[in-house]
Amino acid sequence: VATIRIHGQKVAEMPLIATRFKYRRKGMCRLLVSQLEKMLLEMGVERLVLPGIAQLSDTWVSAFGFSEMPATLRKEFSAYPFVVFQGTTMFHKTLRRADSSSQSSQAHEGNKAGPLEEKNQAQGPDRRFSLRYKRKQKPKTCGKEKLVTDGSDGNQPTYKFVYKRR
């Protein structure tokens, strides 16, 4: 889950981003951030800014490509009402269009975690974007498979479906 605040064409801010515990270490945050960056690029936003805690600064820099915001840039963006938490460092990333070769590799990586559906509802300045994760359908079974021994041949185990009444 992420909160995005767009401050015009120049900069967007991501003050909060979190992953539920059961979905951690599965690439969900990376998938979300890459899709958000792609969406912001389509909207014409130049830079993404976020406050990060010291424990995760290595992750933002090495894994996501952010860098610590220098004082000159902070001064330039001082007119924007960014959310700044006590004890955090501001990170920034310039959003650029990727090469076609890296886009195909990113698309391949996105398919590992699951397909994303991207909706662009309207064209022009009033367009809206939304992201939805499509879940894979579970196969439907009426019963469960159970190992049973057939009476005719005791050495040959067979599998049969066991149906439960509700």
C-alpha atoms as a PDB file:
ATOM      1  CA  VAL A   1       0.000   0.000   0.000  1.00  0.00           C
ATOM      2  CA  ALA A   2       1.363   3.423  -0.884  1.00  0.00           C
ATOM      3  CA  THR A   3       0.235   7.019  -0.513  1.00  0.00           C
ATOM      4  CA  ILE A   4       1.142   9.302  -3.414  1.00  0.00           C
ATOM      5  CA  ARG A   5       0.861  13.094  -3.413  1.00  0.00           C
ATOM      6  CA  ILE A   6       1.421  14.767  -6.778  1.00  0.00           C
ATOM      7  CA  HIS A   7       2.650  18.357  -6.629  1.00  0.00           C
ATOM      8  CA  GLY A   8       2.290  19.272 -10.308  1.00  0.00           C
ATOM      9  CA  GLN A   9       4.581  18.218 -13.161  1.00  0.00           C
ATOM     10  CA  LYS A  10       7.786  18.829 -11.215  1.00  0.00           C
ATOM     11  CA  VAL A  11       7.542  16.431  -8.276  1.00  0.00           C
ATOM     12  CA  ALA A  12       5.462  13.710  -6.630  1.00  0.00           C
ATOM     13  CA  GLU A  13       5.812  12.502  -3.064  1.00  0.00           C
ATOM     14  CA  MET A  14       5.403   9.031  -1.565  1.00  0.00           C
ATOM     15  CA  PRO A  15       5.260   9.680   2.203  1.00  0.00           C
ATOM     16  CA  LEU A  16       3.996   6.221   3.166  1.00  0.00           C
ATOM     17  CA  ILE A  17       4.594   2.786   1.682  1.00  0.00           C
ATOM     18  CA  ALA A  18       4.069  -0.525   3.455  1.00  0.00           C
ATOM     19  CA  THR A  19       3.834  -4.233   2.702  1.00  0.00           C
ATOM     20  CA  ARG A  20       1.786  -6.651   4.781  1.00  0.00           C
ATOM     21  CA  PHE A  21       3.971  -9.086   6.671  1.00  0.00           C
ATOM     22  CA  LYS A  22       2.771 -12.173   4.783  1.00  0.00           C
ATOM     23  CA  TYR A  23       3.655 -10.562   1.410  1.00  0.00           C
ATOM     24  CA  ARG A  24       7.167  -9.429   2.341  1.00  0.00           C
ATOM     25  CA  ARG A  25      10.235 -10.769   0.499  1.00  0.00           C
ATOM     26  CA  LYS A  26       8.087 -11.605  -2.546  1.00  0.00           C
ATOM     27  CA  GLY A  27       8.809  -8.527  -4.685  1.00  0.00           C
ATOM     28  CA  MET A  28       5.432  -6.869  -4.103  1.00  0.00           C
ATOM     29  CA  CYS A  29       6.918  -3.516  -3.021  1.00  0.00           C
ATOM     30  CA  ARG A  30       9.282  -3.486  -6.007  1.00  0.00           C
ATOM     31  CA  LEU A  31       6.362  -4.255  -8.321  1.00  0.00           C
ATOM     32  CA  LEU A  32       4.251  -1.493  -6.778  1.00  0.00           C
ATOM     33  CA  VAL A  33       7.030   1.116  -6.950  1.00  0.00           C
ATOM     34  CA  SER A  34       7.881   0.290 -10.576  1.00  0.00           C
ATOM     35  CA  GLN A  35       4.221   0.529 -11.624  1.00  0.00           C
ATOM     36  CA  LEU A  36       3.805   3.812  -9.728  1.00  0.00           C
ATOM     37  CA  GLU A  37       6.910   5.215 -11.423  1.00  0.00           C
ATOM     38  CA  LYS A  38       5.557   4.176 -14.819  1.00  0.00           C
ATOM     39  CA  MET A  39       2.208   5.801 -14.052  1.00  0.00           C
ATOM     40  CA  LEU A  40       3.877   9.021 -12.849  1.00  0.00           C
ATOM     41  CA  LEU A  41       5.970   9.130 -16.035  1.00  0.00           C
ATOM     42  CA  GLU A  42       2.814   8.894 -18.131  1.00  0.00           C
ATOM     43  CA  MET A  43       1.401  11.806 -16.160  1.00  0.00           C
ATOM     44  CA  GLY A  44       4.542  13.846 -16.883  1.00  0.00           C
ATOM     45  CA  VAL A  45       5.997  13.950 -13.353  1.00  0.00           C
ATOM     46  CA  GLU A  46       9.773  14.492 -13.329  1.00  0.00           C
ATOM     47  CA  ARG A  47      10.847  13.411  -9.832  1.00  0.00           C
ATOM     48  CA  LEU A  48       9.678  11.148  -6.987  1.00  0.00           C
ATOM     49  CA  VAL A  49      10.516  12.114  -3.389  1.00  0.00           C
ATOM     50  CA  LEU A  50      10.093  10.114  -0.185  1.00  0.00           C
ATOM     51  CA  PRO A  51      11.081  10.290   3.488  1.00  0.00           C
ATOM     52  CA  GLY A  52      12.999   7.188   4.555  1.00  0.00           C
ATOM     53  CA  ILE A  53      14.136   5.883   7.919  1.00  0.00           C
ATOM     54  CA  ALA A  54      17.839   5.257   8.512  1.00  0.00           C
ATOM     55  CA  GLN A  55      17.413   1.463   8.713  1.00  0.00           C
ATOM     56  CA  LEU A  56      16.031   1.330   5.144  1.00  0.00           C
ATOM     57  CA  SER A  57      18.282   3.914   3.488  1.00  0.00           C
ATOM     58  CA  ASP A  58      20.462   1.165   1.983  1.00  0.00           C
ATOM     59  CA  THR A  59      17.383  -0.484   0.472  1.00  0.00           C
ATOM     60  CA  TRP A  60      16.082   2.720  -1.109  1.00  0.00           C
ATOM     61  CA  VAL A  61      19.496   3.495  -2.608  1.00  0.00           C
ATOM     62  CA  SER A  62      20.645   0.061  -3.799  1.00  0.00           C
ATOM     63  CA  ALA A  63      17.385  -1.733  -4.618  1.00  0.00           C
ATOM     64  CA  PHE A  64      15.107   1.082  -5.790  1.00  0.00           C
ATOM     65  CA  GLY A  65      17.604   3.567  -7.283  1.00  0.00           C
ATOM     66  CA  PHE A  66      16.878   6.527  -5.011  1.00  0.00           C
ATOM     67  CA  SER A  67      19.582   8.852  -3.715  1.00  0.00           C
ATOM     68  CA  GLU A  68      19.764  11.113  -0.695  1.00  0.00           C
ATOM     69  CA  MET A  69      18.388  14.554  -1.490  1.00  0.00           C
ATOM     70  CA  PRO A  70      21.130  17.215  -1.364  1.00  0.00           C
ATOM     71  CA  ALA A  71      20.587  20.498   0.483  1.00  0.00           C
ATOM     72  CA  THR A  72      20.404  22.485  -2.777  1.00  0.00           C
ATOM     73  CA  LEU A  73      17.539  20.357  -4.036  1.00  0.00           C
ATOM     74  CA  ARG A  74      15.774  20.539  -0.654  1.00  0.00           C
ATOM     75  CA  LYS A  75      16.022  24.319  -0.857  1.00  0.00           C
ATOM     76  CA  GLU A  76      14.588  24.249  -4.392  1.00  0.00           C
ATOM     77  CA  PHE A  77      11.635  22.135  -3.214  1.00  0.00           C
ATOM     78  CA  SER A  78      11.075  24.068   0.038  1.00  0.00           C
ATOM     79  CA  ALA A  79       7.889  25.622  -1.390  1.00  0.00           C
ATOM     80  CA  TYR A  80       6.256  22.183  -1.670  1.00  0.00           C
ATOM     81  CA  PRO A  81       4.367  20.902   1.405  1.00  0.00           C
ATOM     82  CA  PHE A  82       6.177  17.558   1.795  1.00  0.00           C
ATOM     83  CA  VAL A  83       5.356  15.242   4.686  1.00  0.00           C
ATOM     84  CA  VAL A  84       8.528  14.967   6.761  1.00  0.00           C
ATOM     85  CA  PHE A  85       8.683  12.689   9.786  1.00  0.00           C
ATOM     86  CA  GLN A  86      11.136  13.227  12.618  1.00  0.00           C
ATOM     87  CA  GLY A  87      14.297  11.173  12.175  1.00  0.00           C
ATOM     88  CA  THR A  88      13.838  10.524   8.444  1.00  0.00           C
ATOM     89  CA  THR A  89      16.032  11.396   5.478  1.00  0.00           C
ATOM     90  CA  MET A  90      14.589  12.697   2.229  1.00  0.00           C
ATOM     91  CA  PHE A  91      15.359  10.576  -0.836  1.00  0.00           C
ATOM     92  CA  HIS A  92      14.676  11.440  -4.465  1.00  0.00           C
ATOM     93  CA  LYS A  93      14.669   9.756  -7.841  1.00  0.00           C
ATOM     94  CA  THR A  94      14.528  11.350 -11.266  1.00  0.00           C
ATOM     95  CA  LEU A  95      11.935   9.520 -13.334  1.00  0.00           C
ATOM     96  CA  ARG A  96      13.156   8.579 -16.806  1.00  0.00           C
ATOM     97  CA  ARG A  97      11.794   6.463 -19.605  1.00  0.00           C
ATOM     98  CA  ALA A  98      13.524   3.083 -19.763  1.00  0.00           C
ATOM     99  CA  ASP A  99      15.045   1.463 -22.874  1.00  0.00           C
ATOM    100  CA  SER A 100      12.953  -1.069 -24.739  1.00  0.00           C
ATOM    101  CA  SER A 101      15.348  -3.846 -23.644  1.00  0.00           C
ATOM    102  CA  SER A 102      15.037  -2.973 -19.966  1.00  0.00           C
ATOM    103  CA  GLN A 103      11.276  -2.564 -20.314  1.00  0.00           C
ATOM    104  CA  SER A 104      10.968  -6.099 -21.631  1.00  0.00           C
ATOM    105  CA  SER A 105      13.058  -7.419 -18.731  1.00  0.00           C
ATOM    106  CA  GLN A 106      10.939  -5.443 -16.263  1.00  0.00           C
ATOM    107  CA  ALA A 107       7.784  -6.811 -17.865  1.00  0.00           C
ATOM    108  CA  HIS A 108       9.194 -10.319 -17.513  1.00  0.00           C
ATOM    109  CA  GLU A 109       9.980  -9.657 -13.838  1.00  0.00           C
ATOM    110  CA  GLY A 110       6.455  -8.350 -13.305  1.00  0.00           C
ATOM    111  CA  ASN A 111       4.981 -11.590 -14.640  1.00  0.00           C
ATOM    112  CA  LYS A 112       6.819 -13.567 -11.957  1.00  0.00           C
ATOM    113  CA  ALA A 113       4.876 -11.941  -9.141  1.00  0.00           C
ATOM    114  CA  GLY A 114       1.562 -11.947 -10.976  1.00  0.00           C
ATOM    115  CA  PRO A 115      -0.157 -10.014 -13.724  1.00  0.00           C
ATOM    116  CA  LEU A 116      -1.049  -6.388 -13.153  1.00  0.00           C
ATOM    117  CA  GLU A 117      -3.932  -4.750 -14.908  1.00  0.00           C
ATOM    118  CA  GLU A 118      -3.398  -1.115 -15.726  1.00  0.00           C
ATOM    119  CA  LYS A 119      -6.381   1.041 -16.577  1.00  0.00           C
ATOM    120  CA  ASN A 120      -6.159   4.368 -18.341  1.00  0.00           C
ATOM    121  CA  GLN A 121      -9.759   5.539 -18.229  1.00  0.00           C
ATOM    122  CA  ALA A 122      -9.554   8.765 -20.212  1.00  0.00           C
ATOM    123  CA  GLN A 123      -7.119  10.729 -22.332  1.00  0.00           C
ATOM    124  CA  GLY A 124      -6.163  14.335 -21.712  1.00  0.00           C
ATOM    125  CA  PRO A 125      -5.522  16.363 -18.566  1.00  0.00           C
ATOM    126  CA  ASP A 126      -8.374  14.765 -16.577  1.00  0.00           C
ATOM    127  CA  ARG A 127      -7.212  11.179 -16.979  1.00  0.00           C
ATOM    128  CA  ARG A 128      -7.204   8.845 -14.006  1.00  0.00           C
ATOM    129  CA  PHE A 129      -5.065   5.816 -13.378  1.00  0.00           C
ATOM    130  CA  SER A 130      -5.625   2.744 -11.289  1.00  0.00           C
ATOM    131  CA  LEU A 131      -3.696  -0.447 -10.644  1.00  0.00           C
ATOM    132  CA  ARG A 132      -5.291  -3.755  -9.818  1.00  0.00           C
ATOM    133  CA  TYR A 133      -3.584  -7.021  -9.022  1.00  0.00           C
ATOM    134  CA  LYS A 134      -5.239  -9.957 -10.769  1.00  0.00           C
ATOM    135  CA  ARG A 135      -5.277 -13.029  -8.573  1.00  0.00           C
ATOM    136  CA  LYS A 136      -4.728 -16.418 -10.097  1.00  0.00           C
ATOM    137  CA  GLN A 137      -7.821 -18.596  -9.964  1.00  0.00           C
ATOM    138  CA  LYS A 138      -7.578 -21.693  -7.799  1.00  0.00           C
ATOM    139  CA  PRO A 139      -8.572 -24.933  -9.483  1.00  0.00           C
ATOM    140  CA  LYS A 140     -12.034 -26.015  -8.460  1.00  0.00           C
ATOM    141  CA  THR A 141     -12.299 -29.470  -6.931  1.00  0.00           C
ATOM    142  CA  CYS A 142     -15.357 -31.076  -5.487  1.00  0.00           C
ATOM    143  CA  GLY A 143     -13.476 -33.214  -3.005  1.00  0.00           C
ATOM    144  CA  LYS A 144      -9.978 -33.928  -1.852  1.00  0.00           C
ATOM    145  CA  GLU A 145      -7.604 -36.570  -3.033  1.00  0.00           C
ATOM    146  CA  LYS A 146      -6.832 -39.265  -0.495  1.00  0.00           C
ATOM    147  CA  LEU A 147      -4.478 -42.225  -0.636  1.00  0.00           C
ATOM    148  CA  VAL A 148      -6.444 -45.407  -0.047  1.00  0.00           C
ATOM    149  CA  THR A 149      -5.537 -49.060  -0.380  1.00  0.00           C
ATOM    150  CA  ASP A 150      -7.729 -50.974  -2.766  1.00  0.00           C
ATOM    151  CA  GLY A 151      -8.956 -54.306  -1.393  1.00  0.00           C
ATOM    152  CA  SER A 152      -8.063 -56.304  -4.523  1.00  0.00           C
ATOM    153  CA  ASP A 153      -4.334 -55.545  -4.524  1.00  0.00           C
ATOM    154  CA  GLY A 154      -2.965 -54.601  -1.101  1.00  0.00           C
ATOM    155  CA  ASN A 155       0.435 -53.599  -2.460  1.00  0.00           C
ATOM    156  CA  GLN A 156      -0.895 -51.111  -5.007  1.00  0.00           C
ATOM    157  CA  PRO A 157      -2.031 -47.820  -3.382  1.00  0.00           C
ATOM    158  CA  THR A 158      -4.534 -45.792  -5.389  1.00  0.00           C
ATOM    159  CA  TYR A 159      -5.830 -42.279  -5.134  1.00  0.00           C
ATOM    160  CA  LYS A 160      -9.544 -41.601  -4.940  1.00  0.00           C
ATOM    161  CA  PHE A 161     -11.546 -38.458  -4.400  1.00  0.00           C
ATOM    162  CA  VAL A 162     -13.231 -38.245  -1.014  1.00  0.00           C
ATOM    163  CA  TYR A 163     -16.317 -36.043  -0.972  1.00  0.00           C
ATOM    164  CA  LYS A 164     -17.545 -34.295   2.143  1.00  0.00           C
ATOM    165  CA  ARG A 165     -21.171 -33.481   2.767  1.00  0.00           C
ATOM    166  CA  ARG A 166     -21.997 -30.108   4.145  1.00  0.00           C
END
